[in-house]
Amino acid sequence: MEAYLKWAVVALLGYTMVAPLMKVATVDIPSTVAALVANAVLVVGSLAVVLYVDIPVTPYLTHPRAIYVYAAGVCLTVGILAYYQALATGPVSIVVPVFGMFIVTSSLVSAVWLGDDLTLRKAAGIGFAAVAVYLTAGPGQ
């Protein structure tokens, strides 16, 4: 198995529990506070890894591609705050599939903007993902 697939599986396993845990937490904790605390844990964890592997950070803050990191941070902030609010107010079984449509939209953006291959098989997978979300979270769910 390719290393990136192993990391993707680790990401899947870790992220699987985010929605259920946030749903339970936001019964009594405002979603913005939950987002702040959860992402503070992320920052501390990221800092620990950067320090452990001894990667300097400051040279990358002004790197020509840093603007993409900052833009991704803004998008992540909007996405996570909205996601946690949706989890706080709606059923996980509907919120997660709708949120999961980022798989479809990210795949399409990567094909259009980054030039990733969009084969017939990948297009079918994207289509099936969209249908799955509709069946899971659409009208009359």
N, C-alpha and C. Protein backbone atom coordinates (compact mmCIF):
# COMPACT_ATOMS: atom_id res chain seq x y z
N MET A 1 0.86 -1.18 0.00
CA MET A 1 0.00 0.00 0.00
C MET A 1 0.90 1.24 0.00
N GLU A 2 0.55 2.20 -0.83
CA GLU A 2 1.30 3.46 -0.90
C GLU A 2 1.21 4.19 0.43
N ALA A 3 2.27 4.91 0.77
CA ALA A 3 2.30 5.64 2.04
C ALA A 3 1.14 6.63 2.15
N TYR A 4 0.81 7.31 1.06
CA TYR A 4 -0.27 8.29 1.13
C TYR A 4 -1.60 7.63 1.43
N LEU A 5 -1.79 6.39 0.99
CA LEU A 5 -3.04 5.69 1.30
C LEU A 5 -3.10 5.30 2.78
N LYS A 6 -1.96 4.93 3.34
CA LYS A 6 -1.92 4.64 4.77
C LYS A 6 -2.29 5.88 5.57
N TRP A 7 -1.73 7.03 5.19
CA TRP A 7 -2.06 8.28 5.88
C TRP A 7 -3.54 8.62 5.68
N ALA A 8 -4.07 8.36 4.50
CA ALA A 8 -5.49 8.63 4.24
C ALA A 8 -6.38 7.77 5.13
N VAL A 9 -5.99 6.52 5.35
CA VAL A 9 -6.76 5.64 6.23
C VAL A 9 -6.68 6.13 7.68
N VAL A 10 -5.50 6.57 8.11
CA VAL A 10 -5.37 7.14 9.45
C VAL A 10 -6.27 8.36 9.58
N ALA A 11 -6.26 9.22 8.56
CA ALA A 11 -7.12 10.41 8.56
C ALA A 11 -8.59 10.01 8.65
N LEU A 12 -8.97 9.01 7.87
CA LEU A 12 -10.35 8.53 7.90
C LEU A 12 -10.73 8.05 9.30
N LEU A 13 -9.87 7.24 9.89
CA LEU A 13 -10.18 6.71 11.22
C LEU A 13 -10.27 7.82 12.26
N GLY A 14 -9.35 8.77 12.20
CA GLY A 14 -9.40 9.89 13.14
C GLY A 14 -10.61 10.77 12.92
N TYR A 15 -10.89 11.10 11.66
CA TYR A 15 -11.98 12.03 11.37
C TYR A 15 -13.35 11.39 11.55
N THR A 16 -13.41 10.07 11.52
CA THR A 16 -14.69 9.37 11.69
C THR A 16 -15.37 9.76 13.00
N MET A 17 -14.60 9.97 14.03
CA MET A 17 -15.16 10.23 15.35
C MET A 17 -15.45 11.70 15.61
N VAL A 18 -15.01 12.59 14.73
CA VAL A 18 -15.21 14.02 14.98
C VAL A 18 -16.69 14.37 15.07
N ALA A 19 -17.47 13.98 14.09
CA ALA A 19 -18.89 14.36 14.08
C ALA A 19 -19.65 13.81 15.29
N PRO A 20 -19.54 12.51 15.59
CA PRO A 20 -20.28 12.02 16.76
C PRO A 20 -19.83 12.69 18.06
N LEU A 21 -18.53 12.89 18.23
CA LEU A 21 -18.04 13.54 19.45
C LEU A 21 -18.51 14.99 19.54
N MET A 22 -18.47 15.72 18.41
CA MET A 22 -18.93 17.12 18.39
C MET A 22 -20.42 17.21 18.65
N LYS A 23 -21.18 16.26 18.12
CA LYS A 23 -22.63 16.27 18.33
C LYS A 23 -22.93 16.15 19.82
N VAL A 24 -22.24 15.23 20.51
CA VAL A 24 -22.44 15.06 21.95
C VAL A 24 -21.97 16.30 22.70
N ALA A 25 -20.82 16.84 22.33
CA ALA A 25 -20.26 18.01 23.03
C ALA A 25 -21.15 19.23 22.90
N THR A 26 -21.70 19.45 21.69
CA THR A 26 -22.43 20.69 21.44
C THR A 26 -23.86 20.67 21.95
N VAL A 27 -24.22 19.61 22.67
CA VAL A 27 -25.51 19.63 23.38
C VAL A 27 -25.48 20.73 24.43
N ASP A 28 -24.32 20.88 25.09
CA ASP A 28 -24.19 21.86 26.17
C ASP A 28 -23.13 22.93 25.91
N ILE A 29 -22.25 22.70 24.95
CA ILE A 29 -21.16 23.63 24.67
C ILE A 29 -21.45 24.33 23.34
N PRO A 30 -21.41 25.66 23.28
CA PRO A 30 -21.63 26.36 22.01
C PRO A 30 -20.65 25.85 20.94
N SER A 31 -21.13 25.74 19.71
CA SER A 31 -20.30 25.17 18.63
C SER A 31 -19.02 25.98 18.40
N THR A 32 -19.09 27.30 18.60
CA THR A 32 -17.89 28.11 18.39
C THR A 32 -16.84 27.83 19.47
N VAL A 33 -17.30 27.60 20.69
CA VAL A 33 -16.36 27.25 21.77
C VAL A 33 -15.77 25.87 21.51
N ALA A 34 -16.61 24.94 21.07
CA ALA A 34 -16.12 23.60 20.75
C ALA A 34 -15.10 23.66 19.62
N ALA A 35 -15.36 24.49 18.63
CA ALA A 35 -14.41 24.66 17.52
C ALA A 35 -13.09 25.22 18.02
N LEU A 36 -13.16 26.22 18.89
CA LEU A 36 -11.95 26.83 19.44
C LEU A 36 -11.11 25.80 20.20
N VAL A 37 -11.76 25.05 21.06
CA VAL A 37 -11.02 24.08 21.88
C VAL A 37 -10.47 22.95 21.01
N ALA A 38 -11.30 22.39 20.14
CA ALA A 38 -10.85 21.29 19.28
C ALA A 38 -9.68 21.73 18.39
N ASN A 39 -9.77 22.93 17.86
CA ASN A 39 -8.70 23.39 16.97
C ASN A 39 -7.47 23.85 17.75
N ALA A 40 -7.64 24.22 19.01
CA ALA A 40 -6.47 24.48 19.85
C ALA A 40 -5.70 23.19 20.07
N VAL A 41 -6.43 22.09 20.23
CA VAL A 41 -5.78 20.79 20.35
C VAL A 41 -5.03 20.48 19.05
N LEU A 42 -5.63 20.79 17.92
CA LEU A 42 -4.97 20.61 16.62
C LEU A 42 -3.70 21.44 16.53
N VAL A 43 -3.76 22.69 16.95
CA VAL A 43 -2.58 23.57 16.90
C VAL A 43 -1.47 23.02 17.79
N VAL A 44 -1.82 22.62 19.00
CA VAL A 44 -0.82 22.07 19.92
C VAL A 44 -0.21 20.79 19.33
N GLY A 45 -1.04 19.93 18.79
CA GLY A 45 -0.55 18.70 18.17
C GLY A 45 0.35 18.98 16.98
N SER A 46 -0.05 19.91 16.13
CA SER A 46 0.78 20.28 14.97
C SER A 46 2.10 20.87 15.41
N LEU A 47 2.06 21.73 16.41
CA LEU A 47 3.29 22.32 16.95
C LEU A 47 4.22 21.24 17.49
N ALA A 48 3.66 20.28 18.20
CA ALA A 48 4.48 19.19 18.74
C ALA A 48 5.17 18.40 17.63
N VAL A 49 4.44 18.12 16.55
CA VAL A 49 5.04 17.38 15.43
C VAL A 49 6.12 18.21 14.74
N VAL A 50 5.84 19.48 14.50
CA VAL A 50 6.84 20.35 13.87
C VAL A 50 8.10 20.44 14.72
N LEU A 51 7.95 20.58 16.02
CA LEU A 51 9.10 20.63 16.91
C LEU A 51 9.84 19.29 16.94
N TYR A 52 9.10 18.20 16.94
CA TYR A 52 9.70 16.88 17.00
C TYR A 52 10.54 16.59 15.75
N VAL A 53 10.00 16.93 14.59
CA VAL A 53 10.73 16.65 13.34
C VAL A 53 11.70 17.77 13.00
N ASP A 54 11.69 18.82 13.82
CA ASP A 54 12.65 19.93 13.70
C ASP A 54 12.58 20.63 12.34
N ILE A 55 11.37 21.03 11.98
CA ILE A 55 11.15 21.79 10.75
C ILE A 55 11.01 23.26 11.11
N PRO A 56 11.83 24.15 10.53
CA PRO A 56 11.66 25.57 10.80
C PRO A 56 10.36 26.08 10.16
N VAL A 57 9.65 26.92 10.86
CA VAL A 57 8.36 27.42 10.37
C VAL A 57 8.50 28.78 9.70
N THR A 58 9.26 29.67 10.31
CA THR A 58 9.31 31.06 9.84
C THR A 58 9.68 31.23 8.37
N PRO A 59 10.58 30.44 7.79
CA PRO A 59 10.87 30.66 6.36
C PRO A 59 9.66 30.45 5.46
N TYR A 60 8.72 29.65 5.92
CA TYR A 60 7.55 29.34 5.09
C TYR A 60 6.42 30.35 5.23
N LEU A 61 6.50 31.21 6.24
CA LEU A 61 5.44 32.19 6.44
C LEU A 61 5.40 33.23 5.33
N THR A 62 6.54 33.45 4.68
CA THR A 62 6.60 34.42 3.57
C THR A 62 6.95 33.75 2.25
N HIS A 63 6.87 32.44 2.22
CA HIS A 63 7.14 31.69 0.99
C HIS A 63 6.14 32.13 -0.09
N PRO A 64 6.53 32.13 -1.36
CA PRO A 64 5.59 32.55 -2.41
C PRO A 64 4.27 31.77 -2.42
N ARG A 65 4.29 30.55 -1.99
CA ARG A 65 3.04 29.75 -1.96
C ARG A 65 2.32 29.83 -0.63
N ALA A 66 2.82 30.62 0.31
CA ALA A 66 2.18 30.74 1.63
C ALA A 66 0.77 31.32 1.50
N ILE A 67 0.53 32.12 0.49
CA ILE A 67 -0.81 32.70 0.30
C ILE A 67 -1.86 31.60 0.18
N TYR A 68 -1.47 30.46 -0.40
CA TYR A 68 -2.40 29.34 -0.53
C TYR A 68 -2.67 28.71 0.83
N VAL A 69 -1.68 28.68 1.68
CA VAL A 69 -1.86 28.16 3.04
C VAL A 69 -2.81 29.08 3.81
N TYR A 70 -2.59 30.39 3.68
CA TYR A 70 -3.47 31.35 4.37
C TYR A 70 -4.90 31.25 3.85
N ALA A 71 -5.05 31.13 2.54
CA ALA A 71 -6.39 31.00 1.95
C ALA A 71 -7.05 29.69 2.42
N ALA A 72 -6.27 28.61 2.47
CA ALA A 72 -6.81 27.34 2.96
C ALA A 72 -7.23 27.47 4.42
N GLY A 73 -6.47 28.23 5.20
CA GLY A 73 -6.84 28.46 6.60
C GLY A 73 -8.16 29.20 6.74
N VAL A 74 -8.38 30.19 5.88
CA VAL A 74 -9.66 30.91 5.89
C VAL A 74 -10.79 29.96 5.51
N CYS A 75 -10.59 29.19 4.46
CA CYS A 75 -11.61 28.23 4.03
C CYS A 75 -11.88 27.19 5.12
N LEU A 76 -10.82 26.71 5.77
CA LEU A 76 -10.97 25.74 6.85
C LEU A 76 -11.75 26.34 8.01
N THR A 77 -11.47 27.59 8.34
CA THR A 77 -12.18 28.26 9.42
C THR A 77 -13.67 28.35 9.13
N VAL A 78 -14.01 28.83 7.95
CA VAL A 78 -15.42 28.94 7.56
C VAL A 78 -16.07 27.56 7.56
N GLY A 79 -15.40 26.59 6.94
CA GLY A 79 -15.96 25.25 6.84
C GLY A 79 -16.18 24.58 8.18
N ILE A 80 -15.18 24.64 9.05
CA ILE A 80 -15.30 23.97 10.35
C ILE A 80 -16.31 24.66 11.25
N LEU A 81 -16.31 26.00 11.29
CA LEU A 81 -17.30 26.69 12.11
C LEU A 81 -18.72 26.37 11.65
N ALA A 82 -18.93 26.36 10.33
CA ALA A 82 -20.25 26.05 9.81
C ALA A 82 -20.61 24.58 10.06
N TYR A 83 -19.64 23.69 9.90
CA TYR A 83 -19.85 22.26 10.14
C TYR A 83 -20.25 22.00 11.59
N TYR A 84 -19.53 22.58 12.53
CA TYR A 84 -19.83 22.37 13.93
C TYR A 84 -21.20 22.96 14.29
N GLN A 85 -21.55 24.10 13.70
CA GLN A 85 -22.88 24.66 13.95
C GLN A 85 -23.96 23.75 13.38
N ALA A 86 -23.71 23.20 12.21
CA ALA A 86 -24.67 22.27 11.61
C ALA A 86 -24.82 21.02 12.48
N LEU A 87 -23.69 20.51 13.00
CA LEU A 87 -23.76 19.35 13.88
C LEU A 87 -24.51 19.66 15.17
N ALA A 88 -24.33 20.88 15.68
CA ALA A 88 -25.00 21.28 16.92
C ALA A 88 -26.51 21.37 16.74
N THR A 89 -26.96 21.67 15.52
CA THR A 89 -28.38 21.94 15.32
C THR A 89 -29.10 20.88 14.48
N GLY A 90 -28.37 19.98 13.87
CA GLY A 90 -29.01 19.00 13.00
C GLY A 90 -28.53 17.59 13.27
N PRO A 91 -29.19 16.62 12.65
CA PRO A 91 -28.80 15.23 12.86
C PRO A 91 -27.49 14.89 12.14
N VAL A 92 -26.64 14.16 12.82
CA VAL A 92 -25.35 13.76 12.25
C VAL A 92 -25.57 12.99 10.95
N SER A 93 -26.61 12.18 10.91
CA SER A 93 -26.87 11.33 9.74
C SER A 93 -27.18 12.13 8.48
N ILE A 94 -27.54 13.40 8.63
CA ILE A 94 -27.78 14.26 7.46
C ILE A 94 -26.63 15.23 7.28
N VAL A 95 -26.15 15.82 8.36
CA VAL A 95 -25.07 16.82 8.27
C VAL A 95 -23.81 16.22 7.66
N VAL A 96 -23.41 15.04 8.12
CA VAL A 96 -22.15 14.45 7.66
C VAL A 96 -22.18 14.14 6.16
N PRO A 97 -23.23 13.54 5.62
CA PRO A 97 -23.21 13.31 4.17
C PRO A 97 -23.19 14.61 3.35
N VAL A 98 -23.93 15.61 3.79
CA VAL A 98 -23.89 16.89 3.06
C VAL A 98 -22.49 17.49 3.13
N PHE A 99 -21.92 17.52 4.33
CA PHE A 99 -20.55 18.00 4.49
C PHE A 99 -19.59 17.17 3.64
N GLY A 100 -19.85 15.86 3.60
CA GLY A 100 -18.99 14.95 2.84
C GLY A 100 -19.01 15.18 1.34
N MET A 101 -19.92 16.02 0.88
CA MET A 101 -19.92 16.37 -0.55
C MET A 101 -18.65 17.10 -0.95
N PHE A 102 -17.84 17.51 0.06
CA PHE A 102 -16.56 18.12 -0.29
C PHE A 102 -15.71 17.15 -1.10
N ILE A 103 -15.96 15.86 -0.97
CA ILE A 103 -15.25 14.87 -1.77
C ILE A 103 -15.55 15.13 -3.26
N VAL A 104 -16.80 15.36 -3.56
CA VAL A 104 -17.20 15.63 -4.94
C VAL A 104 -16.67 16.97 -5.41
N THR A 105 -16.90 18.01 -4.62
CA THR A 105 -16.49 19.34 -5.06
C THR A 105 -14.98 19.49 -5.12
N SER A 106 -14.26 18.89 -4.16
CA SER A 106 -12.80 18.94 -4.19
C SER A 106 -12.25 18.19 -5.40
N SER A 107 -12.86 17.06 -5.72
CA SER A 107 -12.43 16.29 -6.89
C SER A 107 -12.63 17.08 -8.18
N LEU A 108 -13.76 17.75 -8.27
CA LEU A 108 -14.03 18.56 -9.47
C LEU A 108 -13.09 19.76 -9.56
N VAL A 109 -12.86 20.43 -8.43
CA VAL A 109 -11.93 21.57 -8.43
C VAL A 109 -10.53 21.09 -8.81
N SER A 110 -10.11 19.94 -8.29
CA SER A 110 -8.77 19.45 -8.61
C SER A 110 -8.65 19.09 -10.08
N ALA A 111 -9.72 18.60 -10.68
CA ALA A 111 -9.68 18.28 -12.11
C ALA A 111 -9.62 19.55 -12.95
N VAL A 112 -10.41 20.54 -12.58
CA VAL A 112 -10.47 21.78 -13.36
C VAL A 112 -9.25 22.67 -13.11
N TRP A 113 -8.91 22.87 -11.84
CA TRP A 113 -7.86 23.83 -11.48
C TRP A 113 -6.47 23.24 -11.49
N LEU A 114 -6.35 22.02 -10.98
CA LEU A 114 -5.02 21.41 -10.85
C LEU A 114 -4.67 20.47 -11.99
N GLY A 115 -5.65 20.19 -12.84
CA GLY A 115 -5.38 19.32 -13.98
C GLY A 115 -5.32 17.84 -13.64
N ASP A 116 -5.87 17.45 -12.48
CA ASP A 116 -5.91 16.02 -12.15
C ASP A 116 -6.77 15.29 -13.19
N ASP A 117 -6.42 14.05 -13.44
CA ASP A 117 -7.18 13.25 -14.40
C ASP A 117 -8.60 13.04 -13.91
N LEU A 118 -9.55 13.26 -14.80
CA LEU A 118 -10.94 12.95 -14.49
C LEU A 118 -11.38 11.89 -15.48
N THR A 119 -11.10 10.64 -15.13
CA THR A 119 -11.45 9.52 -15.99
C THR A 119 -12.94 9.23 -15.87
N LEU A 120 -13.41 8.39 -16.77
CA LEU A 120 -14.81 7.99 -16.72
C LEU A 120 -15.11 7.29 -15.39
N ARG A 121 -14.18 6.48 -14.93
CA ARG A 121 -14.37 5.77 -13.65
C ARG A 121 -14.45 6.76 -12.49
N LYS A 122 -13.56 7.76 -12.46
CA LYS A 122 -13.59 8.75 -11.39
C LYS A 122 -14.88 9.57 -11.46
N ALA A 123 -15.28 9.94 -12.67
CA ALA A 123 -16.52 10.71 -12.83
C ALA A 123 -17.72 9.90 -12.33
N ALA A 124 -17.71 8.60 -12.61
CA ALA A 124 -18.80 7.74 -12.12
C ALA A 124 -18.78 7.70 -10.60
N GLY A 125 -17.60 7.58 -10.01
CA GLY A 125 -17.49 7.58 -8.55
C GLY A 125 -18.02 8.86 -7.94
N ILE A 126 -17.68 9.99 -8.56
CA ILE A 126 -18.18 11.28 -8.10
C ILE A 126 -19.70 11.32 -8.21
N GLY A 127 -20.21 10.83 -9.31
CA GLY A 127 -21.66 10.79 -9.49
C GLY A 127 -22.34 9.91 -8.47
N PHE A 128 -21.77 8.74 -8.21
CA PHE A 128 -22.33 7.85 -7.20
C PHE A 128 -22.27 8.48 -5.81
N ALA A 129 -21.20 9.21 -5.52
CA ALA A 129 -21.10 9.89 -4.22
C ALA A 129 -22.21 10.92 -4.08
N ALA A 130 -22.47 11.66 -5.14
CA ALA A 130 -23.54 12.66 -5.11
C ALA A 130 -24.90 11.98 -4.91
N VAL A 131 -25.11 10.87 -5.59
CA VAL A 131 -26.37 10.13 -5.43
C VAL A 131 -26.49 9.59 -4.01
N ALA A 132 -25.40 9.09 -3.46
CA ALA A 132 -25.42 8.56 -2.09
C ALA A 132 -25.80 9.65 -1.09
N VAL A 133 -25.27 10.84 -1.28
CA VAL A 133 -25.61 11.95 -0.37
C VAL A 133 -27.08 12.31 -0.53
N TYR A 134 -27.55 12.36 -1.77
CA TYR A 134 -28.96 12.66 -1.99
C TYR A 134 -29.85 11.62 -1.31
N LEU A 135 -29.51 10.34 -1.46
CA LEU A 135 -30.31 9.28 -0.86
C LEU A 135 -30.26 9.32 0.67
N THR A 136 -29.11 9.74 1.20
CA THR A 136 -28.93 9.79 2.66
C THR A 136 -29.55 11.02 3.28
N ALA A 137 -29.38 12.17 2.63
CA ALA A 137 -29.74 13.43 3.27
C ALA A 137 -30.77 14.24 2.49
N GLY A 138 -31.23 13.73 1.38
CA GLY A 138 -32.16 14.48 0.54
C GLY A 138 -33.57 14.51 1.09
N PRO A 139 -34.47 15.10 0.32
CA PRO A 139 -35.87 15.21 0.74
C PRO A 139 -36.47 13.83 1.04
N GLY A 140 -37.25 13.76 2.06
CA GLY A 140 -37.91 12.51 2.43
C GLY A 140 -36.98 11.48 3.04
N GLN A 141 -35.83 11.96 3.58
CA GLN A 141 -34.85 11.03 4.15
C GLN A 141 -35.52 10.20 5.20
